[in-house]
C-alpha atoms as a PDB file:
ATOM      1  CA  UNK A   1      18.484  10.421  -4.516  1.00  0.00           C
ATOM      2  CA  UNK A   2      15.967   8.044  -2.896  1.00  0.00           C
ATOM      3  CA  UNK A   3      16.750   4.989  -5.025  1.00  0.00           C
ATOM      4  CA  UNK A   4      20.473   5.622  -4.624  1.00  0.00           C
ATOM      5  CA  UNK A   5      20.040   5.138  -0.872  1.00  0.00           C
ATOM      6  CA  UNK A   6      20.206   1.423  -1.659  1.00  0.00           C
ATOM      7  CA  UNK A   7      23.946   1.838  -2.251  1.00  0.00           C
ATOM      8  CA  UNK A   8      24.373   2.302   1.483  1.00  0.00           C
ATOM      9  CA  UNK A   9      24.082  -1.466   1.860  1.00  0.00           C
ATOM     10  CA  UNK A  10      26.429  -4.150   0.569  1.00  0.00           C
ATOM     11  CA  UNK A  11      25.076  -4.792  -2.903  1.00  0.00           C
ATOM     12  CA  UNK A  12      24.210  -8.235  -4.206  1.00  0.00           C
ATOM     13  CA  UNK A  13      21.509  -9.185  -6.690  1.00  0.00           C
ATOM     14  CA  UNK A  14      20.343 -12.126  -4.600  1.00  0.00           C
ATOM     15  CA  UNK A  15      19.628  -9.811  -1.672  1.00  0.00           C
ATOM     16  CA  UNK A  16      16.959  -8.067  -3.732  1.00  0.00           C
ATOM     17  CA  UNK A  17      15.468 -11.284  -5.134  1.00  0.00           C
ATOM     18  CA  UNK A  18      14.766 -13.385  -2.053  1.00  0.00           C
ATOM     19  CA  UNK A  19      11.949 -11.393  -0.429  1.00  0.00           C
ATOM     20  CA  UNK A  20      10.025 -10.384  -3.606  1.00  0.00           C
ATOM     21  CA  UNK A  21      10.344 -13.887  -5.084  1.00  0.00           C
ATOM     22  CA  UNK A  22       9.122 -15.500  -1.879  1.00  0.00           C
ATOM     23  CA  UNK A  23       6.192 -13.123  -1.529  1.00  0.00           C
ATOM     24  CA  UNK A  24       5.161 -13.387  -5.190  1.00  0.00           C
ATOM     25  CA  UNK A  25       5.367 -17.189  -5.040  1.00  0.00           C
ATOM     26  CA  UNK A  26       3.133 -17.192  -1.961  1.00  0.00           C
ATOM     27  CA  UNK A  27       0.570 -14.927  -3.651  1.00  0.00           C
ATOM     28  CA  UNK A  28       0.583 -17.030  -6.838  1.00  0.00           C
ATOM     29  CA  UNK A  29       0.014 -20.255  -4.899  1.00  0.00           C
ATOM     30  CA  UNK A  30      -2.749 -18.583  -2.904  1.00  0.00           C
ATOM     31  CA  UNK A  31      -4.430 -17.363  -6.095  1.00  0.00           C
ATOM     32  CA  UNK A  32      -4.188 -20.800  -7.737  1.00  0.00           C
ATOM     33  CA  UNK A  33      -5.767 -22.361  -4.661  1.00  0.00           C
ATOM     34  CA  UNK A  34      -8.605 -19.818  -4.711  1.00  0.00           C
ATOM     35  CA  UNK A  35      -9.494 -20.178  -8.398  1.00  0.00           C
ATOM     36  CA  UNK A  36      -9.460 -23.982  -8.117  1.00  0.00           C
ATOM     37  CA  UNK A  37     -11.597 -24.021  -5.002  1.00  0.00           C
ATOM     38  CA  UNK A  38     -15.204 -25.209  -5.462  1.00  0.00           C
ATOM     39  CA  UNK A  39     -16.264 -22.480  -3.014  1.00  0.00           C
ATOM     40  CA  UNK A  40     -16.190 -18.792  -3.953  1.00  0.00           C
ATOM     41  CA  UNK A  41     -14.012 -16.402  -1.966  1.00  0.00           C
ATOM     42  CA  UNK A  42     -17.142 -14.602  -0.756  1.00  0.00           C
ATOM     43  CA  UNK A  43     -18.744 -17.826   0.527  1.00  0.00           C
ATOM     44  CA  UNK A  44     -15.439 -18.976   2.025  1.00  0.00           C
ATOM     45  CA  UNK A  45     -15.121 -15.769   4.038  1.00  0.00           C
ATOM     46  CA  UNK A  46     -18.782 -15.881   5.085  1.00  0.00           C
ATOM     47  CA  UNK A  47     -18.373 -19.437   6.413  1.00  0.00           C
ATOM     48  CA  UNK A  48     -15.179 -18.524   8.247  1.00  0.00           C
ATOM     49  CA  UNK A  49     -16.761 -15.436   9.813  1.00  0.00           C
ATOM     50  CA  UNK A  50     -19.735 -17.530  10.942  1.00  0.00           C
ATOM     51  CA  UNK A  51     -17.343 -19.938  12.658  1.00  0.00           C
ATOM     52  CA  UNK A  52     -14.850 -17.619  14.363  1.00  0.00           C
ATOM     53  CA  UNK A  53     -16.192 -14.046  14.056  1.00  0.00           C
ATOM     54  CA  UNK A  54     -15.220 -10.974  12.076  1.00  0.00           C
ATOM     55  CA  UNK A  55     -12.360  -9.802  14.284  1.00  0.00           C
ATOM     56  CA  UNK A  56     -10.665 -13.194  14.280  1.00  0.00           C
ATOM     57  CA  UNK A  57     -10.893 -13.344  10.493  1.00  0.00           C
ATOM     58  CA  UNK A  58      -9.488  -9.806  10.276  1.00  0.00           C
ATOM     59  CA  UNK A  59      -6.562 -10.861  12.470  1.00  0.00           C
ATOM     60  CA  UNK A  60      -6.010 -13.918  10.252  1.00  0.00           C
ATOM     61  CA  UNK A  61      -5.902 -11.653   7.181  1.00  0.00           C
ATOM     62  CA  UNK A  62      -3.683  -8.945   8.683  1.00  0.00           C
ATOM     63  CA  UNK A  63      -1.279 -10.783  10.984  1.00  0.00           C
ATOM     64  CA  UNK A  64       0.882 -12.507   8.318  1.00  0.00           C
ATOM     65  CA  UNK A  65       1.345  -9.181   6.505  1.00  0.00           C
ATOM     66  CA  UNK A  66       1.999  -7.322   9.755  1.00  0.00           C
ATOM     67  CA  UNK A  67       4.708  -9.837  10.648  1.00  0.00           C
ATOM     68  CA  UNK A  68       6.072  -9.439   7.121  1.00  0.00           C
ATOM     69  CA  UNK A  69       7.034  -5.870   8.011  1.00  0.00           C
ATOM     70  CA  UNK A  70       9.534  -7.147  10.570  1.00  0.00           C
ATOM     71  CA  UNK A  71      10.892  -9.624   8.023  1.00  0.00           C
ATOM     72  CA  UNK A  72      11.560  -6.820   5.522  1.00  0.00           C
ATOM     73  CA  UNK A  73      13.089  -4.508   8.135  1.00  0.00           C
ATOM     74  CA  UNK A  74      15.143  -7.327   9.634  1.00  0.00           C
ATOM     75  CA  UNK A  75      16.396  -8.396   6.200  1.00  0.00           C
ATOM     76  CA  UNK A  76      17.356  -4.802   5.420  1.00  0.00           C
ATOM     77  CA  UNK A  77      19.188  -4.310   8.698  1.00  0.00           C
ATOM     78  CA  UNK A  78      20.927  -7.678   8.948  1.00  0.00           C
ATOM     79  CA  UNK A  79      21.473  -8.946   5.392  1.00  0.00           C
ATOM     80  CA  UNK A  80      22.126  -5.857   3.291  1.00  0.00           C
ATOM     81  CA  UNK A  81      23.009  -4.327   5.860  1.00  0.00           C
ATOM     82  CA  UNK A  82      21.304  -0.962   5.441  1.00  0.00           C
ATOM     83  CA  UNK A  83      19.696   1.467   7.840  1.00  0.00           C
ATOM     84  CA  UNK A  84      15.915   1.629   8.079  1.00  0.00           C
ATOM     85  CA  UNK A  85      16.211   5.381   7.597  1.00  0.00           C
ATOM     86  CA  UNK A  86      17.884   5.007   4.200  1.00  0.00           C
ATOM     87  CA  UNK A  87      15.274   2.425   3.145  1.00  0.00           C
ATOM     88  CA  UNK A  88      12.583   4.939   4.088  1.00  0.00           C
ATOM     89  CA  UNK A  89      13.881   8.288   2.854  1.00  0.00           C
ATOM     90  CA  UNK A  90      16.719  10.260   1.298  1.00  0.00           C
ATOM     91  CA  UNK A  91      16.383  12.843   4.063  1.00  0.00           C
ATOM     92  CA  UNK A  92      18.755  12.928   7.030  1.00  0.00           C
ATOM     93  CA  UNK A  93      15.985  11.502   9.191  1.00  0.00           C
ATOM     94  CA  UNK A  94      12.489  10.131   8.674  1.00  0.00           C
ATOM     95  CA  UNK A  95      10.022  13.021   8.352  1.00  0.00           C
ATOM     96  CA  UNK A  96       7.172  11.948  10.627  1.00  0.00           C
ATOM     97  CA  UNK A  97       5.298  15.164   9.908  1.00  0.00           C
ATOM     98  CA  UNK A  98       4.881  14.015   6.297  1.00  0.00           C
ATOM     99  CA  UNK A  99       3.523  10.641   7.445  1.00  0.00           C
ATOM    100  CA  UNK A 100       0.977  12.234   9.768  1.00  0.00           C
ATOM    101  CA  UNK A 101       0.047  14.914   7.249  1.00  0.00           C
ATOM    102  CA  UNK A 102      -0.744  12.385   4.502  1.00  0.00           C
ATOM    103  CA  UNK A 103      -2.595  10.210   7.026  1.00  0.00           C
ATOM    104  CA  UNK A 104      -4.805  13.034   8.280  1.00  0.00           C
ATOM    105  CA  UNK A 105      -5.401  14.472   4.806  1.00  0.00           C
ATOM    106  CA  UNK A 106      -6.416  11.217   3.132  1.00  0.00           C
ATOM    107  CA  UNK A 107      -8.232   9.904   6.197  1.00  0.00           C
ATOM    108  CA  UNK A 108     -10.345  13.062   6.334  1.00  0.00           C
ATOM    109  CA  UNK A 109     -11.058  12.988   2.599  1.00  0.00           C
ATOM    110  CA  UNK A 110     -11.969   9.293   2.656  1.00  0.00           C
ATOM    111  CA  UNK A 111     -14.305   9.723   5.615  1.00  0.00           C
ATOM    112  CA  UNK A 112     -15.851  12.856   4.103  1.00  0.00           C
ATOM    113  CA  UNK A 113     -16.478  11.278   0.689  1.00  0.00           C
ATOM    114  CA  UNK A 114     -17.953   8.147   2.296  1.00  0.00           C
ATOM    115  CA  UNK A 115     -20.301  10.154   4.496  1.00  0.00           C
ATOM    116  CA  UNK A 116     -21.283  12.325   1.514  1.00  0.00           C
ATOM    117  CA  UNK A 117     -22.230   9.182  -0.411  1.00  0.00           C
ATOM    118  CA  UNK A 118     -24.141   7.934   2.634  1.00  0.00           C
ATOM    119  CA  UNK A 119     -26.264  11.092   2.782  1.00  0.00           C
ATOM    120  CA  UNK A 120     -26.740  11.206  -1.004  1.00  0.00           C
ATOM    121  CA  UNK A 121     -27.628   7.496  -1.308  1.00  0.00           C
ATOM    122  CA  UNK A 122     -28.940   6.414   2.112  1.00  0.00           C
ATOM    123  CA  UNK A 123     -30.651   3.394   0.569  1.00  0.00           C
ATOM    124  CA  UNK A 124     -27.224   1.941  -0.215  1.00  0.00           C
ATOM    125  CA  UNK A 125     -26.190   1.740   3.452  1.00  0.00           C
ATOM    126  CA  UNK A 126     -27.419   0.496   6.797  1.00  0.00           C
ATOM    127  CA  UNK A 127     -26.165   1.719  10.141  1.00  0.00           C
ATOM    128  CA  UNK A 128     -24.060  -1.148  11.445  1.00  0.00           C
ATOM    129  CA  UNK A 129     -22.707   0.414  14.630  1.00  0.00           C
ATOM    130  CA  UNK A 130     -22.513  -1.851  17.673  1.00  0.00           C
ATOM    131  CA  UNK A 131     -20.257  -0.166  20.209  1.00  0.00           C
ATOM    132  CA  UNK A 132     -18.748  -3.236  21.952  1.00  0.00           C
ATOM    133  CA  UNK A 133     -18.011  -4.909  18.595  1.00  0.00           C
ATOM    134  CA  UNK A 134     -16.747  -1.656  17.060  1.00  0.00           C
ATOM    135  CA  UNK A 135     -14.347  -0.982  19.942  1.00  0.00           C
ATOM    136  CA  UNK A 136     -12.870  -4.469  19.541  1.00  0.00           C
ATOM    137  CA  UNK A 137     -12.519  -3.823  15.814  1.00  0.00           C
ATOM    138  CA  UNK A 138     -10.831  -0.470  16.500  1.00  0.00           C
ATOM    139  CA  UNK A 139      -8.278  -2.112  18.801  1.00  0.00           C
ATOM    140  CA  UNK A 140      -7.400  -4.776  16.209  1.00  0.00           C
ATOM    141  CA  UNK A 141      -7.384  -2.348  13.270  1.00  0.00           C
ATOM    142  CA  UNK A 142      -5.336   0.389  14.934  1.00  0.00           C
ATOM    143  CA  UNK A 143      -2.741  -2.173  16.025  1.00  0.00           C
ATOM    144  CA  UNK A 144      -2.417  -4.269  12.854  1.00  0.00           C
ATOM    145  CA  UNK A 145      -3.441  -2.201   9.820  1.00  0.00           C
ATOM    146  CA  UNK A 146      -0.564   0.322  10.001  1.00  0.00           C
ATOM    147  CA  UNK A 147       1.823  -2.652  10.225  1.00  0.00           C
ATOM    148  CA  UNK A 148       0.137  -4.342   7.242  1.00  0.00           C
ATOM    149  CA  UNK A 149       0.235  -1.246   5.051  1.00  0.00           C
ATOM    150  CA  UNK A 150       3.798  -0.431   6.119  1.00  0.00           C
ATOM    151  CA  UNK A 151       4.859  -3.948   5.099  1.00  0.00           C
ATOM    152  CA  UNK A 152       3.465  -3.400   1.616  1.00  0.00           C
ATOM    153  CA  UNK A 153       5.128  -0.002   1.331  1.00  0.00           C
ATOM    154  CA  UNK A 154       8.524  -1.173   2.580  1.00  0.00           C
ATOM    155  CA  UNK A 155       8.416  -4.216   0.288  1.00  0.00           C
ATOM    156  CA  UNK A 156       7.198  -2.476  -2.891  1.00  0.00           C
ATOM    157  CA  UNK A 157       8.129   1.215  -2.659  1.00  0.00           C
ATOM    158  CA  UNK A 158      11.188   0.529  -0.488  1.00  0.00           C
ATOM    159  CA  UNK A 159      13.004  -2.774  -1.009  1.00  0.00           C
ATOM    160  CA  UNK A 160      11.845  -3.477  -4.572  1.00  0.00           C
ATOM    161  CA  UNK A 161      11.947   0.144  -5.744  1.00  0.00           C
ATOM    162  CA  UNK A 162      15.559   0.626  -4.649  1.00  0.00           C
ATOM    163  CA  UNK A 163      16.654  -2.820  -5.819  1.00  0.00           C
ATOM    164  CA  UNK A 164      15.134  -2.586  -9.298  1.00  0.00           C
ATOM    165  CA  UNK A 165      16.362   0.987  -9.685  1.00  0.00           C
ATOM    166  CA  UNK A 166      19.936  -0.030  -8.911  1.00  0.00           C
ATOM    167  CA  UNK A 167      19.721  -3.113 -11.173  1.00  0.00           C
ATOM    168  CA  UNK A 168      18.211  -1.308 -14.195  1.00  0.00           C
ATOM    169  CA  UNK A 169      19.859   2.056 -13.477  1.00  0.00           C
ATOM    170  CA  UNK A 170      16.663   4.006 -14.181  1.00  0.00           C
ATOM    171  CA  UNK A 171      13.506   5.091 -12.375  1.00  0.00           C
ATOM    172  CA  UNK A 172      10.682   4.160 -14.723  1.00  0.00           C
ATOM    173  CA  UNK A 173      11.262   0.398 -14.587  1.00  0.00           C
ATOM    174  CA  UNK A 174      10.921   0.144 -10.785  1.00  0.00           C
ATOM    175  CA  UNK A 175       7.980   2.549 -10.856  1.00  0.00           C
ATOM    176  CA  UNK A 176       6.027   0.479 -13.386  1.00  0.00           C
ATOM    177  CA  UNK A 177       7.062  -2.978 -12.161  1.00  0.00           C
ATOM    178  CA  UNK A 178       6.280  -2.320  -8.494  1.00  0.00           C
ATOM    179  CA  UNK A 179       2.920  -0.748  -9.409  1.00  0.00           C
ATOM    180  CA  UNK A 180       1.963  -3.715 -11.589  1.00  0.00           C
ATOM    181  CA  UNK A 181       2.967  -6.347  -9.023  1.00  0.00           C
ATOM    182  CA  UNK A 182       1.260  -4.363  -6.245  1.00  0.00           C
ATOM    183  CA  UNK A 183      -1.940  -4.457  -8.274  1.00  0.00           C
ATOM    184  CA  UNK A 184      -1.633  -8.171  -9.039  1.00  0.00           C
ATOM    185  CA  UNK A 185      -1.221  -8.838  -5.318  1.00  0.00           C
ATOM    186  CA  UNK A 186      -4.937  -8.044  -4.986  1.00  0.00           C
ATOM    187  CA  UNK A 187      -6.098 -10.625  -7.551  1.00  0.00           C
ATOM    188  CA  UNK A 188      -7.246 -12.936  -4.771  1.00  0.00           C
ATOM    189  CA  UNK A 189      -9.416 -10.258  -3.155  1.00  0.00           C
ATOM    190  CA  UNK A 190     -13.152 -10.958  -3.129  1.00  0.00           C
ATOM    191  CA  UNK A 191     -13.673  -7.544  -4.777  1.00  0.00           C
ATOM    192  CA  UNK A 192     -12.022  -8.849  -7.953  1.00  0.00           C
ATOM    193  CA  UNK A 193     -14.214 -11.924  -7.975  1.00  0.00           C
ATOM    194  CA  UNK A 194     -17.324  -9.791  -7.464  1.00  0.00           C
ATOM    195  CA  UNK A 195     -16.565  -6.781  -9.682  1.00  0.00           C
ATOM    196  CA  UNK A 196     -14.460  -8.414 -12.374  1.00  0.00           C
ATOM    197  CA  UNK A 197     -10.930  -7.780 -13.670  1.00  0.00           C
ATOM    198  CA  UNK A 198     -11.703  -4.138 -14.478  1.00  0.00           C
ATOM    199  CA  UNK A 199     -11.186  -3.276 -10.807  1.00  0.00           C
ATOM    200  CA  UNK A 200      -7.494  -4.102 -11.303  1.00  0.00           C
ATOM    201  CA  UNK A 201      -7.172  -0.657 -12.912  1.00  0.00           C
ATOM    202  CA  UNK A 202      -7.870   0.775  -9.465  1.00  0.00           C
ATOM    203  CA  UNK A 203      -5.315  -1.401  -7.685  1.00  0.00           C
ATOM    204  CA  UNK A 204      -2.544  -0.900 -10.247  1.00  0.00           C
ATOM    205  CA  UNK A 205      -3.348   2.810 -10.467  1.00  0.00           C
ATOM    206  CA  UNK A 206      -3.113   3.115  -6.697  1.00  0.00           C
ATOM    207  CA  UNK A 207       0.294   1.434  -6.791  1.00  0.00           C
ATOM    208  CA  UNK A 208       1.372   3.882  -9.492  1.00  0.00           C
ATOM    209  CA  UNK A 209       0.222   6.839  -7.408  1.00  0.00           C
ATOM    210  CA  UNK A 210       2.116   5.581  -4.343  1.00  0.00           C
ATOM    211  CA  UNK A 211       5.228   5.026  -6.465  1.00  0.00           C
ATOM    212  CA  UNK A 212       5.039   8.509  -7.971  1.00  0.00           C
ATOM    213  CA  UNK A 213       4.771  10.267  -4.609  1.00  0.00           C
ATOM    214  CA  UNK A 214       7.689   8.171  -3.315  1.00  0.00           C
ATOM    215  CA  UNK A 215       9.979   9.116  -6.200  1.00  0.00           C
ATOM    216  CA  UNK A 216       8.891  12.745  -6.392  1.00  0.00           C
ATOM    217  CA  UNK A 217       9.224  13.274  -2.639  1.00  0.00           C
ATOM    218  CA  UNK A 218      12.507  11.319  -2.374  1.00  0.00           C
ATOM    219  CA  UNK A 219      11.065   9.144   0.376  1.00  0.00           C
ATOM    220  CA  UNK A 220       8.229   6.873   1.447  1.00  0.00           C
ATOM    221  CA  UNK A 221       6.740   9.047   4.175  1.00  0.00           C
ATOM    222  CA  UNK A 222       3.722  10.302   2.206  1.00  0.00           C
ATOM    223  CA  UNK A 223       3.001   6.807   0.874  1.00  0.00           C
ATOM    224  CA  UNK A 224       3.191   5.327   4.380  1.00  0.00           C
ATOM    225  CA  UNK A 225       0.690   7.830   5.757  1.00  0.00           C
ATOM    226  CA  UNK A 226      -1.658   7.639   2.787  1.00  0.00           C
ATOM    227  CA  UNK A 227      -1.808   3.836   2.690  1.00  0.00           C
ATOM    228  CA  UNK A 228      -2.379   3.504   6.437  1.00  0.00           C
ATOM    229  CA  UNK A 229      -5.212   6.052   6.357  1.00  0.00           C
ATOM    230  CA  UNK A 230      -6.828   4.425   3.336  1.00  0.00           C
ATOM    231  CA  UNK A 231      -7.066   0.960   4.886  1.00  0.00           C
ATOM    232  CA  UNK A 232      -7.718   2.001   8.477  1.00  0.00           C
ATOM    233  CA  UNK A 233     -10.521   4.487   7.776  1.00  0.00           C
ATOM    234  CA  UNK A 234     -12.145   2.062   5.325  1.00  0.00           C
ATOM    235  CA  UNK A 235     -12.052  -0.800   7.849  1.00  0.00           C
ATOM    236  CA  UNK A 236     -13.582   1.361  10.595  1.00  0.00           C
ATOM    237  CA  UNK A 237     -16.126   3.257   8.532  1.00  0.00           C
ATOM    238  CA  UNK A 238     -17.739   0.956   5.968  1.00  0.00           C
ATOM    239  CA  UNK A 239     -17.911  -2.741   5.167  1.00  0.00           C
ATOM    240  CA  UNK A 240     -19.736  -5.043   2.768  1.00  0.00           C
ATOM    241  CA  UNK A 241     -20.309  -8.775   2.434  1.00  0.00           C
ATOM    242  CA  UNK A 242     -18.031  -8.966  -0.618  1.00  0.00           C
ATOM    243  CA  UNK A 243     -14.909  -7.038   0.463  1.00  0.00           C
ATOM    244  CA  UNK A 244     -11.540  -8.161   1.820  1.00  0.00           C
ATOM    245  CA  UNK A 245     -12.161  -6.255   5.062  1.00  0.00           C
ATOM    246  CA  UNK A 246     -15.479  -7.545   6.453  1.00  0.00           C
ATOM    247  CA  UNK A 247     -15.677  -5.798   9.795  1.00  0.00           C
ATOM    248  CA  UNK A 248     -17.998  -4.528  12.531  1.00  0.00           C
ATOM    249  CA  UNK A 249     -17.720  -1.053  11.022  1.00  0.00           C
ATOM    250  CA  UNK A 250     -20.014   1.935  11.464  1.00  0.00           C
ATOM    251  CA  UNK A 251     -21.754   1.517   8.097  1.00  0.00           C
ATOM    252  CA  UNK A 252     -22.514  -1.453   5.886  1.00  0.00           C
ATOM    253  CA  UNK A 253     -22.801  -1.093   2.115  1.00  0.00           C
ATOM    254  CA  UNK A 254     -25.849  -3.094   0.996  1.00  0.00           C
ATOM    255  CA  UNK A 255     -26.040  -1.808  -2.587  1.00  0.00           C
ATOM    256  CA  UNK A 256     -25.824  -4.339  -5.394  1.00  0.00           C
ATOM    257  CA  UNK A 257     -22.113  -4.466  -6.264  1.00  0.00           C
ATOM    258  CA  UNK A 258     -21.096  -3.537  -9.759  1.00  0.00           C
ATOM    259  CA  UNK A 259     -18.193  -1.899 -11.545  1.00  0.00           C
ATOM    260  CA  UNK A 260     -19.132   1.536 -12.858  1.00  0.00           C
ATOM    261  CA  UNK A 261     -17.391   4.766 -13.830  1.00  0.00           C
ATOM    262  CA  UNK A 262     -17.241   6.051 -10.243  1.00  0.00           C
ATOM    263  CA  UNK A 263     -14.740   3.304  -9.336  1.00  0.00           C
ATOM    264  CA  UNK A 264     -12.198   5.079 -11.543  1.00  0.00           C
ATOM    265  CA  UNK A 265     -12.689   8.587 -10.107  1.00  0.00           C
ATOM    266  CA  UNK A 266      -9.844   8.164  -7.572  1.00  0.00           C
ATOM    267  CA  UNK A 267      -7.396   7.077 -10.284  1.00  0.00           C
ATOM    268  CA  UNK A 268      -8.212   9.664 -12.936  1.00  0.00           C
ATOM    269  CA  UNK A 269      -9.428  12.605 -10.830  1.00  0.00           C
ATOM    270  CA  UNK A 270      -8.612  12.433  -7.112  1.00  0.00           C
ATOM    271  CA  UNK A 271      -5.054  11.085  -7.300  1.00  0.00           C
ATOM    272  CA  UNK A 272      -3.937  13.574 -10.006  1.00  0.00           C
ATOM    273  CA  UNK A 273      -5.342  16.392  -7.862  1.00  0.00           C
ATOM    274  CA  UNK A 274      -3.444  15.050  -4.859  1.00  0.00           C
ATOM    275  CA  UNK A 275      -0.238  14.917  -6.916  1.00  0.00           C
ATOM    276  CA  UNK A 276      -0.745  18.558  -7.864  1.00  0.00           C
ATOM    277  CA  UNK A 277      -1.457  19.476  -4.237  1.00  0.00           C
ATOM    278  CA  UNK A 278       1.550  17.593  -2.834  1.00  0.00           C
ATOM    279  CA  UNK A 279       3.727  19.016  -5.596  1.00  0.00           C
ATOM    280  CA  UNK A 280       2.791  22.568  -4.690  1.00  0.00           C
ATOM    281  CA  UNK A 281       3.112  21.981  -0.950  1.00  0.00           C
ATOM    282  CA  UNK A 282       6.524  20.295  -1.092  1.00  0.00           C
ATOM    283  CA  UNK A 283       7.955  22.148  -4.081  1.00  0.00           C
ATOM    284  CA  UNK A 284       8.333  19.181  -6.426  1.00  0.00           C
ATOM    285  CA  UNK A 285      10.131  20.023  -9.667  1.00  0.00           C
ATOM    286  CA  UNK A 286      11.772  18.184 -12.562  1.00  0.00           C
ATOM    287  CA  UNK A 287       9.028  15.553 -12.740  1.00  0.00           C
ATOM    288  CA  UNK A 288      10.344  13.817 -15.860  1.00  0.00           C
ATOM    289  CA  UNK A 289      13.831  13.286 -14.440  1.00  0.00           C
ATOM    290  CA  UNK A 290      12.580  12.100 -11.058  1.00  0.00           C
ATOM    291  CA  UNK A 291      10.127   9.612 -12.573  1.00  0.00           C
ATOM    292  CA  UNK A 292      11.975   8.377 -15.670  1.00  0.00           C
ATOM    293  CA  UNK A 293      15.594   9.531 -15.344  1.00  0.00           C
ATOM    294  CA  UNK A 294      18.634   7.367 -14.795  1.00  0.00           C
ATOM    295  CA  UNK A 295      19.865   6.217 -11.413  1.00  0.00           C
ATOM    296  CA  UNK A 296      23.385   7.314 -10.516  1.00  0.00           C
ATOM    297  CA  UNK A 297      26.134   4.746 -10.186  1.00  0.00           C
ATOM    298  CA  UNK A 298      27.535   4.119  -6.740  1.00  0.00           C
ATOM    299  CA  UNK A 299      30.668   6.075  -7.620  1.00  0.00           C
ATOM    300  CA  UNK A 300      28.629   9.048  -8.894  1.00  0.00           C
ATOM    301  CA  UNK A 301      26.473   9.030  -5.785  1.00  0.00           C
ATOM    302  CA  UNK A 302      29.542   8.899  -3.564  1.00  0.00           C
ATOM    303  CA  UNK A 303      31.110  11.862  -5.359  1.00  0.00           C
ATOM    304  CA  UNK A 304      27.909  13.862  -5.130  1.00  0.00           C
ATOM    305  CA  UNK A 305      27.726  13.258  -1.398  1.00  0.00           C
ATOM    306  CA  UNK A 306      31.439  12.935  -0.771  1.00  0.00           C
ATOM    307  CA  UNK A 307      31.105  14.358   2.706  1.00  0.00           C
ATOM    308  CA  UNK A 308      28.965  11.345   3.682  1.00  0.00           C
ATOM    309  CA  UNK A 309      31.335   8.466   4.511  1.00  0.00           C
ATOM    310  CA  UNK A 310      28.528   5.893   4.809  1.00  0.00           C
ATOM    311  CA  UNK A 311      28.503   5.525   1.006  1.00  0.00           C
END
């Protein structure tokens, strides 16, 4: 009943079009500007970092998205109007234990796999740790990255997922559309320029994974924790001269960048294993219905939860 939580607001198609249309238009214009620039994204970031420093550039990258979180939450609360709880989950209250569990689990796995690669291929890394610079990075990252990732989750797996589900009256359309647009959002990343369009499989696949755990778990909590851990641990642990997050991290990847089979391991191996693990832990059943089934009408949802007058 997660998508049906959108019925708790005052419905109107335009309410679900304004934010996604504005964000997509911004990303398209940004991408057009980048591909028409005589300077590569990598060189552009290198010049900017040389001028103002890595932390300032990180703030410039994260701050607009972090502020976007308050736009989405404010729009939900004031325009729909709908509670933040019902945008987040179908449960009676937000399950913070799920958020922290997914954060700790994926943060530990990400750190462990990175350190394993470091010890197996030490020639691919240099120790980059400078404590004063790292502590400044940690302050910026811990403050802004959870806001940035939460913005993306509330926009894609929250606002757009519920809106598209109610419009199309099924679950597979919002799942696929939000995953595809989430992936396309990363087209302007320097990783795409460096590794080629094949890396889009990773971004779209990650969006699909986050959408699946949201629909199967009837809430965004696992996706919120996972996404925050993914970006935060990556920013603190390892950087490279060709990534979106160029930071004063502990390690620096100096290997020659290239797209190989190992880039797809998370999508085709790790994420399916995580789905199996989460499914067993939280007792997920009826996968086909939850991922592809129809969305109830407002009247059906009200009858099903007739004791809840907020419908």
